[in-house]
Amino acid sequence: MKTYHVFEHPTRGLEAVKVGVSWPGFFFGFFWMLVKKMWGWALLFLAIDIVRGLFQMSITHGQPPASAANLGFALVGLVLGIIVGAYGNGWRESNLRNRGYVSVATVEAKTPDGALAQYAREKTQ
């Protein structure tokens, strides 16, 4: 079982955010941010990735793929993924609050849909 924070919006309905590491955020970063409507964070990380890529191309031009510089840039990408994974769900909660959602419950469930169903059951009782 995982812990979820449930958020409610008067017109947009319910959202469940898992407490802890965001594995989709770690693996899919920018695209995960777009799906979750985190436009500011997505734009920031896209800009960081573009700058990192351009910097990498200018520094590592003509070097073998396993050079220290290329490995260093790969490490930077890994660190960015870890940052998104570690902080992404917190950023998502903040984004929901900024969009008018209110935190209404903390529930234990296996999935986000399960968390929303459990909240709906508890709310009607």
Foldseek 3Di string as FASTA:
>chain_A
DFKWWWKQAPPPGIFIFTPFFDPCCLVPPLVVCVVLVVVVSNVVVVVVVVVLVVVLCVVCPPHDCPDPSNVVSVVVSNVNSRVCRGCVSVSSVVVCVVVHIDGDDMDDDDDRVRVVVVVVVVVVD
